[in-house]
């Protein structure tokens, strides 16, 4: 489920995610049209968009994230992603549960 936080300040995003127990935080950027085929992660993952757009799909559905949007992907969830025409910059993080 997408959470529309409206927050795009990197330091504020890092602070909030650290408070929630996320680690391995980093900022990632993808070029327009970048595509990640179906894959999984061994940990719970978060994607918090700072700028641009990215569409992510799971077996349950497809969502598009824009600036300030956040999506948590549970460990082992099959998903794919495609970057919009303006590219995207987002914060990534992992959490054990």
Protein backbone atom coordinates (compact mmCIF):
# COMPACT_ATOMS: atom_id res chain seq x y z
CA UNK A 1 0.00 0.00 0.00
CA UNK A 2 1.31 3.44 -0.94
CA UNK A 3 1.62 6.02 1.82
CA UNK A 4 1.41 9.58 0.48
CA UNK A 5 3.63 11.40 2.99
CA UNK A 6 4.36 14.54 0.98
CA UNK A 7 7.89 14.47 2.45
CA UNK A 8 10.75 14.79 -0.05
CA UNK A 9 13.54 16.10 2.20
CA UNK A 10 16.23 13.40 2.25
CA UNK A 11 17.36 14.09 5.83
CA UNK A 12 13.79 13.94 7.14
CA UNK A 13 13.15 10.68 5.26
CA UNK A 14 16.35 9.15 6.69
CA UNK A 15 15.42 10.29 10.22
CA UNK A 16 11.93 8.79 10.04
CA UNK A 17 13.10 5.48 8.57
CA UNK A 18 15.87 5.11 11.15
CA UNK A 19 13.29 5.66 13.91
CA UNK A 20 11.27 2.79 12.42
CA UNK A 21 14.27 0.45 12.47
CA UNK A 22 15.29 0.63 8.81
CA UNK A 23 18.99 0.19 8.08
CA UNK A 24 21.21 0.24 5.00
CA UNK A 25 19.63 3.54 3.95
CA UNK A 26 20.84 5.08 0.70
CA UNK A 27 19.64 7.31 -2.12
CA UNK A 28 19.27 5.71 -5.55
CA UNK A 29 18.52 7.27 -8.95
CA UNK A 30 17.34 5.55 -12.12
CA UNK A 31 17.21 6.88 -15.67
CA UNK A 32 13.93 7.20 -17.57
CA UNK A 33 12.61 3.84 -18.73
CA UNK A 34 14.80 1.71 -16.42
CA UNK A 35 13.10 -1.64 -15.85
CA UNK A 36 13.68 -4.21 -13.08
CA UNK A 37 12.13 -7.57 -13.89
CA UNK A 38 10.43 -9.81 -11.31
CA UNK A 39 12.63 -10.32 -8.24
CA UNK A 40 12.51 -10.59 -4.44
CA UNK A 41 14.52 -9.27 -1.48
CA UNK A 42 15.44 -11.26 1.66
CA UNK A 43 14.42 -8.38 3.96
CA UNK A 44 11.49 -5.98 4.23
CA UNK A 45 12.29 -3.11 1.86
CA UNK A 46 11.09 0.48 1.63
CA UNK A 47 11.13 2.86 -1.34
CA UNK A 48 10.48 6.55 -0.62
CA UNK A 49 10.42 8.76 -3.71
CA UNK A 50 12.21 12.11 -3.52
CA UNK A 51 11.63 13.13 -7.15
CA UNK A 52 10.28 11.64 -10.37
CA UNK A 53 8.03 8.60 -10.74
CA UNK A 54 8.33 4.83 -10.56
CA UNK A 55 5.70 2.16 -11.15
CA UNK A 56 5.96 -1.02 -9.10
CA UNK A 57 4.00 -4.22 -9.51
CA UNK A 58 3.39 -7.25 -7.31
CA UNK A 59 1.18 -10.30 -7.85
CA UNK A 60 -1.55 -8.29 -6.05
CA UNK A 61 -1.46 -5.19 -8.26
CA UNK A 62 0.40 -2.19 -9.68
CA UNK A 63 1.05 1.24 -8.12
CA UNK A 64 2.79 4.37 -9.31
CA UNK A 65 4.85 6.33 -6.80
CA UNK A 66 5.57 10.05 -7.10
CA UNK A 67 7.40 12.60 -4.94
CA UNK A 68 6.72 12.01 -1.24
CA UNK A 69 5.22 8.56 -1.79
CA UNK A 70 6.42 5.59 0.21
CA UNK A 71 5.97 1.86 -0.42
CA UNK A 72 6.97 -1.03 1.83
CA UNK A 73 7.64 -4.37 0.16
CA UNK A 74 7.64 -7.35 2.57
CA UNK A 75 10.53 -9.82 2.42
CA UNK A 76 10.10 -12.45 -0.27
CA UNK A 77 7.42 -10.49 -2.20
CA UNK A 78 7.81 -10.89 -5.95
CA UNK A 79 7.83 -7.47 -7.59
CA UNK A 80 9.01 -5.50 -10.62
CA UNK A 81 9.60 -1.78 -11.25
CA UNK A 82 9.62 0.61 -14.21
CA UNK A 83 10.84 4.20 -14.09
CA UNK A 84 8.76 7.00 -15.58
CA UNK A 85 9.84 9.34 -18.39
CA UNK A 86 11.39 11.89 -16.01
CA UNK A 87 13.57 9.38 -14.12
CA UNK A 88 13.37 8.84 -10.37
CA UNK A 89 15.37 9.40 -7.18
CA UNK A 90 14.37 7.54 -4.04
CA UNK A 91 15.54 6.38 -0.63
CA UNK A 92 15.98 2.63 -0.14
CA UNK A 93 16.20 0.81 3.17
CA UNK A 94 15.95 -2.67 4.70
CA UNK A 95 14.46 -3.99 7.92
CA UNK A 96 14.34 -7.39 9.60
CA UNK A 97 10.97 -8.32 11.09
